[in-house]
C-alpha cells in the first residue's frame, strides 16, 4: 500500500484535484479495448491545454513497407520556431494499447522547444487488435523514413534522436536494436522515459507500487498480455529489450534515462542502467522523486516535468552535436 508521504506535495495535490474532478473511474484495461482507449484519451485531454506555439504543426503519412511488414502510418510533425537540422522521433506510451500523438502533444511540444528540433510522432498500430510486432514495425518504418517525412516541411536531414515514454520507450529501444541487428545505426541517441523493458512482474518496484497510484502491476500485466498475445518472447530482445546481449547494448548510441520515483516500472530503468554501467558506458539515470508514472504528461502543472524535459532537450542537443 502506498504511503502518501512518498509523493511530492505537488504530485499529491494534482492527483487529489483529478480525483475530485472526475470521481471514481473504471480501470480502462478492464474495458473492451476501444472503450478503454476512449477513456484514456479523455483523461489525457486535460493535460493538453495551453499548447506551446510551434512554427508549424502538420500531418503526413508513410506508405506500408511490405518487406518490413509495416502498415500505412500517420505521422504528426511539430516544428518549433528555432528548428535546426535533424529531428526527434517521439514514440508515445500507453501500454502498447492506448494513446496517440494527440494525447502526448503538449509533452512533445515542450520537448521540441527544449531541443530546438522538429518532433515526429508516429500513430503506430495498437494492441490487442495489432499485437507484437505490429506497432514496432511501424516505428521502425518511421525511423527509416523520418527525413523523407520532413522534406515537405522544408527541413534538413541531420542527426535522428529517438525518444519514448513507457511502452514508447520499449518501442524506441527495440527499434534501435532491430536496426543494429540489420547492420544499421540510424539514431545518434535516444531519450527514454520510465520505460517498460521486460515482462517481469516480480521486481522490487512492481511489489512496492503494486496498487499505484495510477499505474498498477495488474494493469501492466494486462497491457503485456494484450501486446504479446500467445507469443513466447522469453528470448526475444525486440519484445523485452532487457534480454539484449551485452554486445548489443554496448553498441547502442548514447541514452538519456529518466524514471519516476513512484512507479511500478522504476526497477526496469534501474536494471537497464545497471547493465549499461557494468559494460562501462557512461549514462546516468535520473530518478525524479515523488512523482508517478506518466508525470511528463503534466508539464502544465508540474515544474519537475518541465525540468525533466529541459534536461532531455539538452541531452538531445549534445547527441546531435548542437552544443
C-alpha atoms as a PDB file:
ATOM      1  CA  UNK A   1       0.000   0.000   0.000  1.00  0.00           C
ATOM      2  CA  UNK A   2       1.337   3.421  -0.964  1.00  0.00           C
ATOM      3  CA  UNK A   3       2.487   5.753   1.789  1.00  0.00           C
ATOM      4  CA  UNK A   4       1.213   9.202   0.732  1.00  0.00           C
ATOM      5  CA  UNK A   5       4.457  10.681   2.062  1.00  0.00           C
ATOM      6  CA  UNK A   6       6.223   9.115  -0.929  1.00  0.00           C
ATOM      7  CA  UNK A   7       4.502  11.626  -3.205  1.00  0.00           C
ATOM      8  CA  UNK A   8       5.766  15.176  -3.581  1.00  0.00           C
ATOM      9  CA  UNK A   9       3.289  17.805  -2.358  1.00  0.00           C
ATOM     10  CA  UNK A  10       2.700  18.962  -5.942  1.00  0.00           C
ATOM     11  CA  UNK A  11       2.070  15.418  -7.205  1.00  0.00           C
ATOM     12  CA  UNK A  12      -0.250  14.624  -4.303  1.00  0.00           C
ATOM     13  CA  UNK A  13      -2.213  17.836  -4.888  1.00  0.00           C
ATOM     14  CA  UNK A  14      -2.521  17.110  -8.600  1.00  0.00           C
ATOM     15  CA  UNK A  15      -3.807  13.575  -8.010  1.00  0.00           C
ATOM     16  CA  UNK A  16      -6.293  14.871  -5.425  1.00  0.00           C
ATOM     17  CA  UNK A  17      -7.544  17.509  -7.841  1.00  0.00           C
ATOM     18  CA  UNK A  18      -8.055  14.995 -10.632  1.00  0.00           C
ATOM     19  CA  UNK A  19      -9.881  12.613  -8.289  1.00  0.00           C
ATOM     20  CA  UNK A  20     -12.188  15.430  -7.199  1.00  0.00           C
ATOM     21  CA  UNK A  21     -12.888  16.454 -10.790  1.00  0.00           C
ATOM     22  CA  UNK A  22     -13.547  13.005 -12.217  1.00  0.00           C
ATOM     23  CA  UNK A  23     -14.822  10.934  -9.310  1.00  0.00           C
ATOM     24  CA  UNK A  24     -14.397   7.146  -9.415  1.00  0.00           C
ATOM     25  CA  UNK A  25     -13.240   5.915 -12.821  1.00  0.00           C
ATOM     26  CA  UNK A  26     -13.247   2.382 -14.247  1.00  0.00           C
ATOM     27  CA  UNK A  27      -9.937   0.678 -14.955  1.00  0.00           C
ATOM     28  CA  UNK A  28      -9.517   1.158 -18.733  1.00  0.00           C
ATOM     29  CA  UNK A  29      -7.657  -2.152 -19.065  1.00  0.00           C
ATOM     30  CA  UNK A  30     -10.789  -3.953 -17.810  1.00  0.00           C
ATOM     31  CA  UNK A  31     -12.939  -2.484 -20.584  1.00  0.00           C
ATOM     32  CA  UNK A  32     -13.133  -3.556 -24.228  1.00  0.00           C
ATOM     33  CA  UNK A  33     -10.049  -2.032 -25.897  1.00  0.00           C
ATOM     34  CA  UNK A  34     -11.934   0.627 -27.863  1.00  0.00           C
ATOM     35  CA  UNK A  35     -13.762   1.794 -24.720  1.00  0.00           C
ATOM     36  CA  UNK A  36     -10.577   1.800 -22.656  1.00  0.00           C
ATOM     37  CA  UNK A  37      -8.839   3.758 -25.400  1.00  0.00           C
ATOM     38  CA  UNK A  38     -11.602   6.380 -25.414  1.00  0.00           C
ATOM     39  CA  UNK A  39     -11.478   6.705 -21.626  1.00  0.00           C
ATOM     40  CA  UNK A  40      -7.694   7.095 -21.716  1.00  0.00           C
ATOM     41  CA  UNK A  41      -7.926   9.741 -24.445  1.00  0.00           C
ATOM     42  CA  UNK A  42     -10.490  11.681 -22.423  1.00  0.00           C
ATOM     43  CA  UNK A  43      -8.300  11.519 -19.331  1.00  0.00           C
ATOM     44  CA  UNK A  44      -5.269  12.772 -21.249  1.00  0.00           C
ATOM     45  CA  UNK A  45      -7.195  15.676 -22.734  1.00  0.00           C
ATOM     46  CA  UNK A  46      -6.839  17.644 -19.500  1.00  0.00           C
ATOM     47  CA  UNK A  47      -3.043  17.665 -19.875  1.00  0.00           C
ATOM     48  CA  UNK A  48      -3.080  19.042 -23.431  1.00  0.00           C
ATOM     49  CA  UNK A  49      -4.042  22.619 -22.663  1.00  0.00           C
ATOM     50  CA  UNK A  50      -2.238  25.892 -23.375  1.00  0.00           C
ATOM     51  CA  UNK A  51      -0.144  24.180 -26.049  1.00  0.00           C
ATOM     52  CA  UNK A  52       3.229  25.885 -26.629  1.00  0.00           C
ATOM     53  CA  UNK A  53       3.331  27.636 -30.000  1.00  0.00           C
ATOM     54  CA  UNK A  54       5.064  25.907 -32.907  1.00  0.00           C
ATOM     55  CA  UNK A  55       6.252  27.405 -36.176  1.00  0.00           C
ATOM     56  CA  UNK A  56       4.324  24.666 -37.939  1.00  0.00           C
ATOM     57  CA  UNK A  57       2.133  21.717 -36.994  1.00  0.00           C
ATOM     58  CA  UNK A  58       1.429  19.232 -39.751  1.00  0.00           C
ATOM     59  CA  UNK A  59       0.469  15.703 -40.548  1.00  0.00           C
ATOM     60  CA  UNK A  60       1.634  13.287 -43.181  1.00  0.00           C
ATOM     61  CA  UNK A  61       1.645   9.558 -43.869  1.00  0.00           C
ATOM     62  CA  UNK A  62       4.246   6.974 -44.716  1.00  0.00           C
ATOM     63  CA  UNK A  63       3.357   4.099 -47.003  1.00  0.00           C
ATOM     64  CA  UNK A  64       3.472   0.445 -45.958  1.00  0.00           C
ATOM     65  CA  UNK A  65       6.781  -1.358 -46.307  1.00  0.00           C
ATOM     66  CA  UNK A  66       5.848  -4.888 -47.492  1.00  0.00           C
ATOM     67  CA  UNK A  67       9.333  -6.252 -46.867  1.00  0.00           C
ATOM     68  CA  UNK A  68       9.291  -4.993 -43.288  1.00  0.00           C
ATOM     69  CA  UNK A  69       5.610  -5.679 -42.626  1.00  0.00           C
ATOM     70  CA  UNK A  70       4.712  -2.163 -41.548  1.00  0.00           C
ATOM     71  CA  UNK A  71       1.349  -0.518 -42.200  1.00  0.00           C
ATOM     72  CA  UNK A  72       0.438   2.886 -43.594  1.00  0.00           C
ATOM     73  CA  UNK A  73       1.222   5.156 -40.664  1.00  0.00           C
ATOM     74  CA  UNK A  74       0.125   8.676 -39.798  1.00  0.00           C
ATOM     75  CA  UNK A  75       2.885  10.987 -38.561  1.00  0.00           C
ATOM     76  CA  UNK A  76       2.266  14.184 -36.598  1.00  0.00           C
ATOM     77  CA  UNK A  77       5.001  16.766 -37.207  1.00  0.00           C
ATOM     78  CA  UNK A  78       5.805  19.549 -34.720  1.00  0.00           C
ATOM     79  CA  UNK A  79       8.257  22.208 -35.889  1.00  0.00           C
ATOM     80  CA  UNK A  80       9.486  24.630 -33.199  1.00  0.00           C
ATOM     81  CA  UNK A  81      10.352  28.231 -34.100  1.00  0.00           C
ATOM     82  CA  UNK A  82      14.094  27.604 -33.766  1.00  0.00           C
ATOM     83  CA  UNK A  83      14.260  24.212 -35.505  1.00  0.00           C
ATOM     84  CA  UNK A  84      17.746  23.164 -36.531  1.00  0.00           C
ATOM     85  CA  UNK A  85      18.946  20.197 -38.518  1.00  0.00           C
ATOM     86  CA  UNK A  86      17.881  16.698 -37.545  1.00  0.00           C
ATOM     87  CA  UNK A  87      14.794  15.532 -35.713  1.00  0.00           C
ATOM     88  CA  UNK A  88      13.420  13.731 -32.681  1.00  0.00           C
ATOM     89  CA  UNK A  89      11.167  10.746 -33.304  1.00  0.00           C
ATOM     90  CA  UNK A  90       8.949  10.503 -30.211  1.00  0.00           C
ATOM     91  CA  UNK A  91       7.083   7.219 -29.649  1.00  0.00           C
ATOM     92  CA  UNK A  92       4.114   7.738 -27.346  1.00  0.00           C
ATOM     93  CA  UNK A  93       3.367   5.404 -24.459  1.00  0.00           C
ATOM     94  CA  UNK A  94       0.050   3.927 -23.386  1.00  0.00           C
ATOM     95  CA  UNK A  95       0.714   0.272 -22.625  1.00  0.00           C
ATOM     96  CA  UNK A  96       1.109  -0.623 -26.330  1.00  0.00           C
ATOM     97  CA  UNK A  97      -2.695  -0.318 -26.484  1.00  0.00           C
ATOM     98  CA  UNK A  98      -3.777   3.246 -25.676  1.00  0.00           C
ATOM     99  CA  UNK A  99      -2.916   6.871 -26.528  1.00  0.00           C
ATOM    100  CA  UNK A 100      -1.874   8.659 -29.698  1.00  0.00           C
ATOM    101  CA  UNK A 101       0.217  11.577 -30.921  1.00  0.00           C
ATOM    102  CA  UNK A 102      -2.574  13.858 -29.695  1.00  0.00           C
ATOM    103  CA  UNK A 103      -2.563  12.539 -26.111  1.00  0.00           C
ATOM    104  CA  UNK A 104       1.162  13.346 -25.895  1.00  0.00           C
ATOM    105  CA  UNK A 105       1.161  16.581 -27.879  1.00  0.00           C
ATOM    106  CA  UNK A 106       1.893  19.051 -25.089  1.00  0.00           C
ATOM    107  CA  UNK A 107       4.770  16.925 -23.813  1.00  0.00           C
ATOM    108  CA  UNK A 108       6.164  16.625 -27.342  1.00  0.00           C
ATOM    109  CA  UNK A 109       5.840  20.366 -27.997  1.00  0.00           C
ATOM    110  CA  UNK A 110       7.761  21.179 -24.825  1.00  0.00           C
ATOM    111  CA  UNK A 111      10.453  18.716 -25.892  1.00  0.00           C
ATOM    112  CA  UNK A 112      10.608  20.274 -29.374  1.00  0.00           C
ATOM    113  CA  UNK A 113      11.227  23.699 -27.833  1.00  0.00           C
ATOM    114  CA  UNK A 114      13.838  22.356 -25.433  1.00  0.00           C
ATOM    115  CA  UNK A 115      15.859  20.519 -28.084  1.00  0.00           C
ATOM    116  CA  UNK A 116      15.278  23.036 -30.925  1.00  0.00           C
ATOM    117  CA  UNK A 117      14.482  20.177 -33.276  1.00  0.00           C
ATOM    118  CA  UNK A 118      11.302  19.083 -35.061  1.00  0.00           C
ATOM    119  CA  UNK A 119       9.477  16.212 -33.390  1.00  0.00           C
ATOM    120  CA  UNK A 120       7.776  13.380 -35.268  1.00  0.00           C
ATOM    121  CA  UNK A 121       5.075  11.321 -33.546  1.00  0.00           C
ATOM    122  CA  UNK A 122       4.056   8.073 -35.296  1.00  0.00           C
ATOM    123  CA  UNK A 123       0.496   6.847 -34.811  1.00  0.00           C
ATOM    124  CA  UNK A 124       1.583   3.204 -34.752  1.00  0.00           C
ATOM    125  CA  UNK A 125      -0.787   0.242 -34.635  1.00  0.00           C
ATOM    126  CA  UNK A 126      -2.065  -0.659 -31.168  1.00  0.00           C
ATOM    127  CA  UNK A 127      -2.660  -3.915 -29.333  1.00  0.00           C
ATOM    128  CA  UNK A 128      -4.618  -6.081 -28.820  1.00  0.00           C
ATOM    129  CA  UNK A 129      -6.034  -5.714 -32.316  1.00  0.00           C
ATOM    130  CA  UNK A 130      -2.468  -5.491 -33.621  1.00  0.00           C
ATOM    131  CA  UNK A 131      -0.186  -7.407 -31.235  1.00  0.00           C
ATOM    132  CA  UNK A 132       3.606  -7.580 -31.290  1.00  0.00           C
ATOM    133  CA  UNK A 133       5.430  -6.879 -33.522  1.00  0.00           C
ATOM    134  CA  UNK A 134       2.944  -4.709 -35.473  1.00  0.00           C
ATOM    135  CA  UNK A 135       3.496  -1.451 -33.599  1.00  0.00           C
ATOM    136  CA  UNK A 136       7.250  -1.979 -33.501  1.00  0.00           C
ATOM    137  CA  UNK A 137       7.371  -2.486 -37.275  1.00  0.00           C
ATOM    138  CA  UNK A 138       5.517   0.800 -37.803  1.00  0.00           C
ATOM    139  CA  UNK A 139       8.040   2.575 -35.574  1.00  0.00           C
ATOM    140  CA  UNK A 140      10.960   1.020 -37.465  1.00  0.00           C
ATOM    141  CA  UNK A 141       9.448   2.145 -40.775  1.00  0.00           C
ATOM    142  CA  UNK A 142       9.146   5.672 -39.390  1.00  0.00           C
ATOM    143  CA  UNK A 143      12.788   5.606 -38.303  1.00  0.00           C
ATOM    144  CA  UNK A 144      13.816   4.651 -41.828  1.00  0.00           C
ATOM    145  CA  UNK A 145      11.676   7.325 -43.469  1.00  0.00           C
ATOM    146  CA  UNK A 146      11.991  10.109 -40.917  1.00  0.00           C
ATOM    147  CA  UNK A 147      13.764  12.596 -43.136  1.00  0.00           C
ATOM    148  CA  UNK A 148      11.625  11.824 -46.155  1.00  0.00           C
ATOM    149  CA  UNK A 149       8.703  12.819 -43.905  1.00  0.00           C
ATOM    150  CA  UNK A 150      10.398  16.141 -43.128  1.00  0.00           C
ATOM    151  CA  UNK A 151      11.175  17.134 -46.718  1.00  0.00           C
ATOM    152  CA  UNK A 152       7.726  18.622 -47.475  1.00  0.00           C
ATOM    153  CA  UNK A 153       8.185  20.866 -44.440  1.00  0.00           C
ATOM    154  CA  UNK A 154      11.425  22.275 -45.852  1.00  0.00           C
ATOM    155  CA  UNK A 155      13.516  20.771 -43.066  1.00  0.00           C
ATOM    156  CA  UNK A 156      17.033  19.457 -43.387  1.00  0.00           C
ATOM    157  CA  UNK A 157      18.231  15.959 -42.702  1.00  0.00           C
ATOM    158  CA  UNK A 158      20.642  15.507 -39.834  1.00  0.00           C
ATOM    159  CA  UNK A 159      21.020  13.528 -36.626  1.00  0.00           C
ATOM    160  CA  UNK A 160      17.983  11.475 -35.605  1.00  0.00           C
ATOM    161  CA  UNK A 161      17.220  11.191 -31.901  1.00  0.00           C
ATOM    162  CA  UNK A 162      14.730   8.554 -30.793  1.00  0.00           C
ATOM    163  CA  UNK A 163      12.542   9.163 -27.752  1.00  0.00           C
ATOM    164  CA  UNK A 164       9.720   7.395 -25.995  1.00  0.00           C
ATOM    165  CA  UNK A 165       7.842   7.146 -22.735  1.00  0.00           C
ATOM    166  CA  UNK A 166       6.679   3.920 -21.047  1.00  0.00           C
ATOM    167  CA  UNK A 167       5.726   1.446 -23.795  1.00  0.00           C
ATOM    168  CA  UNK A 168       7.072   4.015 -26.254  1.00  0.00           C
ATOM    169  CA  UNK A 169      10.499   3.763 -24.614  1.00  0.00           C
ATOM    170  CA  UNK A 170      10.345  -0.002 -25.150  1.00  0.00           C
ATOM    171  CA  UNK A 171       9.491   0.505 -28.827  1.00  0.00           C
ATOM    172  CA  UNK A 172      12.192   3.141 -29.343  1.00  0.00           C
ATOM    173  CA  UNK A 173      14.858   0.931 -27.770  1.00  0.00           C
ATOM    174  CA  UNK A 174      13.637  -2.162 -29.628  1.00  0.00           C
ATOM    175  CA  UNK A 175      13.695  -0.239 -32.924  1.00  0.00           C
ATOM    176  CA  UNK A 176      17.345   0.647 -32.354  1.00  0.00           C
ATOM    177  CA  UNK A 177      18.164  -2.979 -31.552  1.00  0.00           C
ATOM    178  CA  UNK A 178      16.337  -4.169 -34.670  1.00  0.00           C
ATOM    179  CA  UNK A 179      18.225  -1.783 -36.915  1.00  0.00           C
ATOM    180  CA  UNK A 180      21.503  -2.712 -35.247  1.00  0.00           C
ATOM    181  CA  UNK A 181      20.841  -6.399 -35.978  1.00  0.00           C
ATOM    182  CA  UNK A 182      20.172  -5.363 -39.601  1.00  0.00           C
ATOM    183  CA  UNK A 183      23.522  -3.592 -39.794  1.00  0.00           C
ATOM    184  CA  UNK A 184      22.109  -0.065 -39.489  1.00  0.00           C
ATOM    185  CA  UNK A 185      22.714   2.637 -36.890  1.00  0.00           C
ATOM    186  CA  UNK A 186      20.123   5.311 -37.709  1.00  0.00           C
ATOM    187  CA  UNK A 187      19.986   7.087 -34.349  1.00  0.00           C
ATOM    188  CA  UNK A 188      22.520   9.427 -32.794  1.00  0.00           C
ATOM    189  CA  UNK A 189      20.996   8.761 -29.384  1.00  0.00           C
ATOM    190  CA  UNK A 190      17.768   8.162 -27.507  1.00  0.00           C
ATOM    191  CA  UNK A 191      15.735   9.754 -24.707  1.00  0.00           C
ATOM    192  CA  UNK A 192      13.999   7.011 -22.720  1.00  0.00           C
ATOM    193  CA  UNK A 193      11.417   7.947 -20.089  1.00  0.00           C
ATOM    194  CA  UNK A 194      10.160   5.447 -17.464  1.00  0.00           C
ATOM    195  CA  UNK A 195      10.216   2.546 -19.904  1.00  0.00           C
ATOM    196  CA  UNK A 196       8.874  -0.984 -19.635  1.00  0.00           C
ATOM    197  CA  UNK A 197      11.739  -3.171 -20.817  1.00  0.00           C
ATOM    198  CA  UNK A 198      10.633  -6.686 -19.793  1.00  0.00           C
ATOM    199  CA  UNK A 199       7.508  -8.556 -18.744  1.00  0.00           C
ATOM    200  CA  UNK A 200       8.940  -9.457 -15.337  1.00  0.00           C
ATOM    201  CA  UNK A 201       6.363  -8.541 -12.693  1.00  0.00           C
ATOM    202  CA  UNK A 202       8.418  -9.671  -9.690  1.00  0.00           C
ATOM    203  CA  UNK A 203      10.761  -6.694  -9.401  1.00  0.00           C
ATOM    204  CA  UNK A 204      11.074  -4.529  -6.307  1.00  0.00           C
ATOM    205  CA  UNK A 205       9.089  -1.637  -7.793  1.00  0.00           C
ATOM    206  CA  UNK A 206       6.294  -3.898  -9.039  1.00  0.00           C
ATOM    207  CA  UNK A 207       5.963  -5.047  -5.423  1.00  0.00           C
ATOM    208  CA  UNK A 208       6.371  -1.629  -3.822  1.00  0.00           C
ATOM    209  CA  UNK A 209       3.864   0.129  -6.098  1.00  0.00           C
ATOM    210  CA  UNK A 210       1.631  -2.810  -6.889  1.00  0.00           C
ATOM    211  CA  UNK A 211      -1.502  -0.735  -6.263  1.00  0.00           C
ATOM    212  CA  UNK A 212      -0.338   2.532  -7.803  1.00  0.00           C
ATOM    213  CA  UNK A 213      -1.446   5.264  -7.636  1.00  0.00           C
ATOM    214  CA  UNK A 214      -2.227   5.388 -11.330  1.00  0.00           C
ATOM    215  CA  UNK A 215      -0.333   2.576 -12.975  1.00  0.00           C
ATOM    216  CA  UNK A 216      -0.564  -0.760 -11.153  1.00  0.00           C
ATOM    217  CA  UNK A 217       1.053  -4.138 -11.528  1.00  0.00           C
ATOM    218  CA  UNK A 218      -2.234  -5.685 -12.662  1.00  0.00           C
ATOM    219  CA  UNK A 219      -2.648  -3.056 -15.373  1.00  0.00           C
ATOM    220  CA  UNK A 220       0.854  -3.727 -16.668  1.00  0.00           C
ATOM    221  CA  UNK A 221       0.147  -7.459 -16.746  1.00  0.00           C
ATOM    222  CA  UNK A 222      -2.907  -6.820 -18.894  1.00  0.00           C
ATOM    223  CA  UNK A 223      -1.045  -4.431 -21.157  1.00  0.00           C
ATOM    224  CA  UNK A 224       1.675  -7.011 -21.765  1.00  0.00           C
ATOM    225  CA  UNK A 225      -0.913  -9.736 -22.352  1.00  0.00           C
ATOM    226  CA  UNK A 226      -2.578  -7.569 -24.976  1.00  0.00           C
ATOM    227  CA  UNK A 227       0.765  -6.759 -26.593  1.00  0.00           C
ATOM    228  CA  UNK A 228       2.187 -10.272 -26.700  1.00  0.00           C
ATOM    229  CA  UNK A 229      -0.920 -12.406 -27.074  1.00  0.00           C
ATOM    230  CA  UNK A 230       0.170 -16.040 -27.073  1.00  0.00           C
ATOM    231  CA  UNK A 231       3.711 -15.352 -28.264  1.00  0.00           C
ATOM    232  CA  UNK A 232       6.646 -16.769 -26.328  1.00  0.00           C
ATOM    233  CA  UNK A 233       9.120 -13.889 -26.054  1.00  0.00           C
ATOM    234  CA  UNK A 234      11.284 -15.421 -23.336  1.00  0.00           C
ATOM    235  CA  UNK A 235      14.349 -14.982 -25.560  1.00  0.00           C
ATOM    236  CA  UNK A 236      13.249 -12.026 -27.722  1.00  0.00           C
ATOM    237  CA  UNK A 237      15.028  -8.717 -27.021  1.00  0.00           C
ATOM    238  CA  UNK A 238      12.843  -6.907 -29.559  1.00  0.00           C
ATOM    239  CA  UNK A 239       9.880  -7.515 -27.245  1.00  0.00           C
ATOM    240  CA  UNK A 240      11.832  -7.293 -23.982  1.00  0.00           C
ATOM    241  CA  UNK A 241      14.970  -5.186 -24.535  1.00  0.00           C
ATOM    242  CA  UNK A 242      16.454  -6.211 -21.182  1.00  0.00           C
ATOM    243  CA  UNK A 243      17.065  -9.588 -22.860  1.00  0.00           C
ATOM    244  CA  UNK A 244      19.512  -7.995 -25.306  1.00  0.00           C
ATOM    245  CA  UNK A 245      23.061  -9.279 -25.208  1.00  0.00           C
ATOM    246  CA  UNK A 246      25.890  -7.264 -23.686  1.00  0.00           C
ATOM    247  CA  UNK A 247      27.306  -6.856 -27.184  1.00  0.00           C
ATOM    248  CA  UNK A 248      24.039  -5.357 -28.455  1.00  0.00           C
ATOM    249  CA  UNK A 249      23.687  -2.983 -25.501  1.00  0.00           C
ATOM    250  CA  UNK A 250      27.301  -1.888 -25.796  1.00  0.00           C
ATOM    251  CA  UNK A 251      26.772  -0.972 -29.459  1.00  0.00           C
ATOM    252  CA  UNK A 252      23.783   1.301 -28.800  1.00  0.00           C
ATOM    253  CA  UNK A 253      24.161   5.064 -29.259  1.00  0.00           C
ATOM    254  CA  UNK A 254      24.116   7.281 -26.141  1.00  0.00           C
ATOM    255  CA  UNK A 255      20.986   7.016 -23.996  1.00  0.00           C
ATOM    256  CA  UNK A 256      19.386   9.561 -21.681  1.00  0.00           C
ATOM    257  CA  UNK A 257      17.432   7.693 -18.979  1.00  0.00           C
ATOM    258  CA  UNK A 258      14.686   9.190 -16.810  1.00  0.00           C
ATOM    259  CA  UNK A 259      12.443   7.352 -14.326  1.00  0.00           C
ATOM    260  CA  UNK A 260       9.646   8.233 -11.919  1.00  0.00           C
ATOM    261  CA  UNK A 261      10.233   7.568  -8.242  1.00  0.00           C
ATOM    262  CA  UNK A 262       6.720   6.217  -7.526  1.00  0.00           C
ATOM    263  CA  UNK A 263       6.240   3.810 -10.404  1.00  0.00           C
ATOM    264  CA  UNK A 264       5.894   0.040 -10.840  1.00  0.00           C
ATOM    265  CA  UNK A 265       8.318   0.375 -13.774  1.00  0.00           C
ATOM    266  CA  UNK A 266      11.118   2.021 -11.784  1.00  0.00           C
ATOM    267  CA  UNK A 267      13.085  -1.232 -11.475  1.00  0.00           C
ATOM    268  CA  UNK A 268      13.113  -1.643 -15.264  1.00  0.00           C
ATOM    269  CA  UNK A 269      15.055   1.598 -15.692  1.00  0.00           C
ATOM    270  CA  UNK A 270      17.345   0.698 -12.795  1.00  0.00           C
ATOM    271  CA  UNK A 271      18.037  -2.712 -14.361  1.00  0.00           C
ATOM    272  CA  UNK A 272      18.802  -1.216 -17.777  1.00  0.00           C
ATOM    273  CA  UNK A 273      21.055   1.408 -16.232  1.00  0.00           C
ATOM    274  CA  UNK A 274      22.811  -1.261 -14.188  1.00  0.00           C
ATOM    275  CA  UNK A 275      23.575  -3.362 -17.245  1.00  0.00           C
ATOM    276  CA  UNK A 276      24.874  -0.363 -19.163  1.00  0.00           C
ATOM    277  CA  UNK A 277      27.061   0.606 -16.212  1.00  0.00           C
ATOM    278  CA  UNK A 278      28.622  -2.859 -15.984  1.00  0.00           C
ATOM    279  CA  UNK A 279      29.564  -2.506 -19.645  1.00  0.00           C
ATOM    280  CA  UNK A 280      31.464   0.698 -18.882  1.00  0.00           C
ATOM    281  CA  UNK A 281      29.007   3.056 -20.537  1.00  0.00           C
ATOM    282  CA  UNK A 282      28.661   6.490 -19.013  1.00  0.00           C
ATOM    283  CA  UNK A 283      24.901   7.027 -18.977  1.00  0.00           C
ATOM    284  CA  UNK A 284      23.321   8.496 -15.877  1.00  0.00           C
ATOM    285  CA  UNK A 285      19.836   7.583 -14.679  1.00  0.00           C
ATOM    286  CA  UNK A 286      17.739  10.430 -13.303  1.00  0.00           C
ATOM    287  CA  UNK A 287      15.047   9.231 -10.889  1.00  0.00           C
ATOM    288  CA  UNK A 288      12.593  12.055 -10.264  1.00  0.00           C
ATOM    289  CA  UNK A 289      11.404  11.579  -6.667  1.00  0.00           C
ATOM    290  CA  UNK A 290       7.807  11.842  -5.532  1.00  0.00           C
ATOM    291  CA  UNK A 291       6.167  11.561  -8.958  1.00  0.00           C
ATOM    292  CA  UNK A 292       4.108   8.827 -10.544  1.00  0.00           C
ATOM    293  CA  UNK A 293       4.331   7.035 -13.859  1.00  0.00           C
ATOM    294  CA  UNK A 294       3.476   9.323 -16.767  1.00  0.00           C
ATOM    295  CA  UNK A 295       4.414  12.537 -14.965  1.00  0.00           C
ATOM    296  CA  UNK A 296       5.810  14.075 -18.170  1.00  0.00           C
ATOM    297  CA  UNK A 297       2.210  14.448 -19.298  1.00  0.00           C
ATOM    298  CA  UNK A 298       1.856  17.046 -16.538  1.00  0.00           C
ATOM    299  CA  UNK A 299       4.059  19.820 -17.952  1.00  0.00           C
ATOM    300  CA  UNK A 300       1.300  22.389 -17.403  1.00  0.00           C
ATOM    301  CA  UNK A 301       1.091  21.610 -13.674  1.00  0.00           C
ATOM    302  CA  UNK A 302       4.441  20.187 -12.542  1.00  0.00           C
ATOM    303  CA  UNK A 303       7.711  22.107 -12.614  1.00  0.00           C
ATOM    304  CA  UNK A 304       9.635  18.821 -12.316  1.00  0.00           C
ATOM    305  CA  UNK A 305       8.065  17.634 -15.583  1.00  0.00           C
ATOM    306  CA  UNK A 306       9.267  20.752 -17.372  1.00  0.00           C
ATOM    307  CA  UNK A 307      12.693  20.394 -15.764  1.00  0.00           C
ATOM    308  CA  UNK A 308      12.970  16.755 -16.864  1.00  0.00           C
ATOM    309  CA  UNK A 309      12.151  17.691 -20.459  1.00  0.00           C
ATOM    310  CA  UNK A 310      14.639  20.569 -20.331  1.00  0.00           C
ATOM    311  CA  UNK A 311      17.337  18.097 -19.284  1.00  0.00           C
ATOM    312  CA  UNK A 312      16.257  15.713 -22.060  1.00  0.00           C
ATOM    313  CA  UNK A 313      16.348  18.541 -24.605  1.00  0.00           C
ATOM    314  CA  UNK A 314      19.879  19.451 -23.544  1.00  0.00           C
ATOM    315  CA  UNK A 315      20.877  15.785 -23.887  1.00  0.00           C
ATOM    316  CA  UNK A 316      19.346  15.635 -27.380  1.00  0.00           C
ATOM    317  CA  UNK A 317      21.309  18.705 -28.449  1.00  0.00           C
ATOM    318  CA  UNK A 318      24.531  17.139 -27.202  1.00  0.00           C
ATOM    319  CA  UNK A 319      23.770  13.883 -29.016  1.00  0.00           C
ATOM    320  CA  UNK A 320      23.091  15.833 -32.199  1.00  0.00           C
ATOM    321  CA  UNK A 321      26.307  17.845 -31.873  1.00  0.00           C
ATOM    322  CA  UNK A 322      24.425  21.117 -31.410  1.00  0.00           C
ATOM    323  CA  UNK A 323      26.038  22.002 -28.050  1.00  0.00           C
END
